[in-house]
Amino acid sequence: MSGQNKPDTPSEGERIEAAEREAARFRLLAQAEADRIPVEETTRAVPDRRRHG
């Protein structure tokens, strides 16, 4: 039975794993984009709260 698949042809399990990896990658990228802080937010001036004196 193992001789039926060509070496360069992925099995059904390998195709499923590849699809799951791609879906996980997409979810991670979507989450990273949702969590991203716009550069405008990171460069905003913050008042100096240190005490002088």
C-alpha atoms as a PDB file:
ATOM      1  CA  MET A   1       0.000   0.000   0.000  1.00  0.00           C
ATOM      2  CA  SER A   2       2.743   2.470   0.815  1.00  0.00           C
ATOM      3  CA  GLY A   3       4.017   2.238  -2.763  1.00  0.00           C
ATOM      4  CA  GLN A   4       0.866   3.827  -4.183  1.00  0.00           C
ATOM      5  CA  ASN A   5       1.838   7.428  -3.311  1.00  0.00           C
ATOM      6  CA  LYS A   6       4.522   9.126  -5.337  1.00  0.00           C
ATOM      7  CA  PRO A   7       7.326  10.561  -3.166  1.00  0.00           C
ATOM      8  CA  ASP A   8       6.444  14.132  -4.169  1.00  0.00           C
ATOM      9  CA  THR A   9       2.679  13.666  -3.662  1.00  0.00           C
ATOM     10  CA  PRO A  10       1.522  14.560  -0.143  1.00  0.00           C
ATOM     11  CA  SER A  11      -0.816  12.131   1.588  1.00  0.00           C
ATOM     12  CA  GLU A  12      -4.266  13.203   2.724  1.00  0.00           C
ATOM     13  CA  GLY A  13      -2.953  13.595   6.288  1.00  0.00           C
ATOM     14  CA  GLU A  14      -0.103  15.813   5.089  1.00  0.00           C
ATOM     15  CA  ARG A  15      -2.527  17.951   3.076  1.00  0.00           C
ATOM     16  CA  ILE A  16      -4.783  18.325   6.131  1.00  0.00           C
ATOM     17  CA  GLU A  17      -1.801  19.288   8.320  1.00  0.00           C
ATOM     18  CA  ALA A  18      -0.657  21.837   5.745  1.00  0.00           C
ATOM     19  CA  ALA A  19      -4.153  23.338   5.603  1.00  0.00           C
ATOM     20  CA  GLU A  20      -4.289  23.500   9.407  1.00  0.00           C
ATOM     21  CA  ARG A  21      -0.872  25.191   9.543  1.00  0.00           C
ATOM     22  CA  GLU A  22      -1.995  27.736   6.962  1.00  0.00           C
ATOM     23  CA  ALA A  23      -5.203  28.417   8.909  1.00  0.00           C
ATOM     24  CA  ALA A  24      -3.222  28.826  12.141  1.00  0.00           C
ATOM     25  CA  ARG A  25      -0.806  31.182  10.371  1.00  0.00           C
ATOM     26  CA  PHE A  26      -3.717  33.252   9.093  1.00  0.00           C
ATOM     27  CA  ARG A  27      -5.243  33.430  12.604  1.00  0.00           C
ATOM     28  CA  LEU A  28      -1.906  34.513  14.090  1.00  0.00           C
ATOM     29  CA  LEU A  29      -1.447  37.221  11.479  1.00  0.00           C
ATOM     30  CA  ALA A  30      -5.019  38.447  11.984  1.00  0.00           C
ATOM     31  CA  GLN A  31      -4.526  38.534  15.772  1.00  0.00           C
ATOM     32  CA  ALA A  32      -1.206  40.356  15.425  1.00  0.00           C
ATOM     33  CA  GLU A  33      -2.837  42.949  13.186  1.00  0.00           C
ATOM     34  CA  ALA A  34      -5.697  43.376  15.670  1.00  0.00           C
ATOM     35  CA  ASP A  35      -3.204  43.851  18.533  1.00  0.00           C
ATOM     36  CA  ARG A  36      -0.945  46.193  16.562  1.00  0.00           C
ATOM     37  CA  ILE A  37      -0.500  49.666  18.012  1.00  0.00           C
ATOM     38  CA  PRO A  38      -0.460  52.353  15.315  1.00  0.00           C
ATOM     39  CA  VAL A  39       2.801  54.283  15.178  1.00  0.00           C
ATOM     40  CA  GLU A  40       0.850  57.477  15.856  1.00  0.00           C
ATOM     41  CA  GLU A  41      -0.021  56.045  19.274  1.00  0.00           C
ATOM     42  CA  THR A  42       3.562  55.103  20.122  1.00  0.00           C
ATOM     43  CA  THR A  43       5.070  58.488  19.251  1.00  0.00           C
ATOM     44  CA  ARG A  44       2.606  60.619  21.198  1.00  0.00           C
ATOM     45  CA  ALA A  45       4.250  62.850  23.805  1.00  0.00           C
ATOM     46  CA  VAL A  46       3.762  61.752  27.401  1.00  0.00           C
ATOM     47  CA  PRO A  47       4.043  64.272  30.250  1.00  0.00           C
ATOM     48  CA  ASP A  48       7.177  63.938  32.348  1.00  0.00           C
ATOM     49  CA  ARG A  49       6.005  62.719  35.756  1.00  0.00           C
ATOM     50  CA  ARG A  50       9.401  62.745  37.433  1.00  0.00           C
ATOM     51  CA  ARG A  51       9.845  65.084  40.362  1.00  0.00           C
ATOM     52  CA  HIS A  52      12.304  67.906  39.973  1.00  0.00           C
ATOM     53  CA  GLY A  53      13.922  69.182  43.102  1.00  0.00           C
END
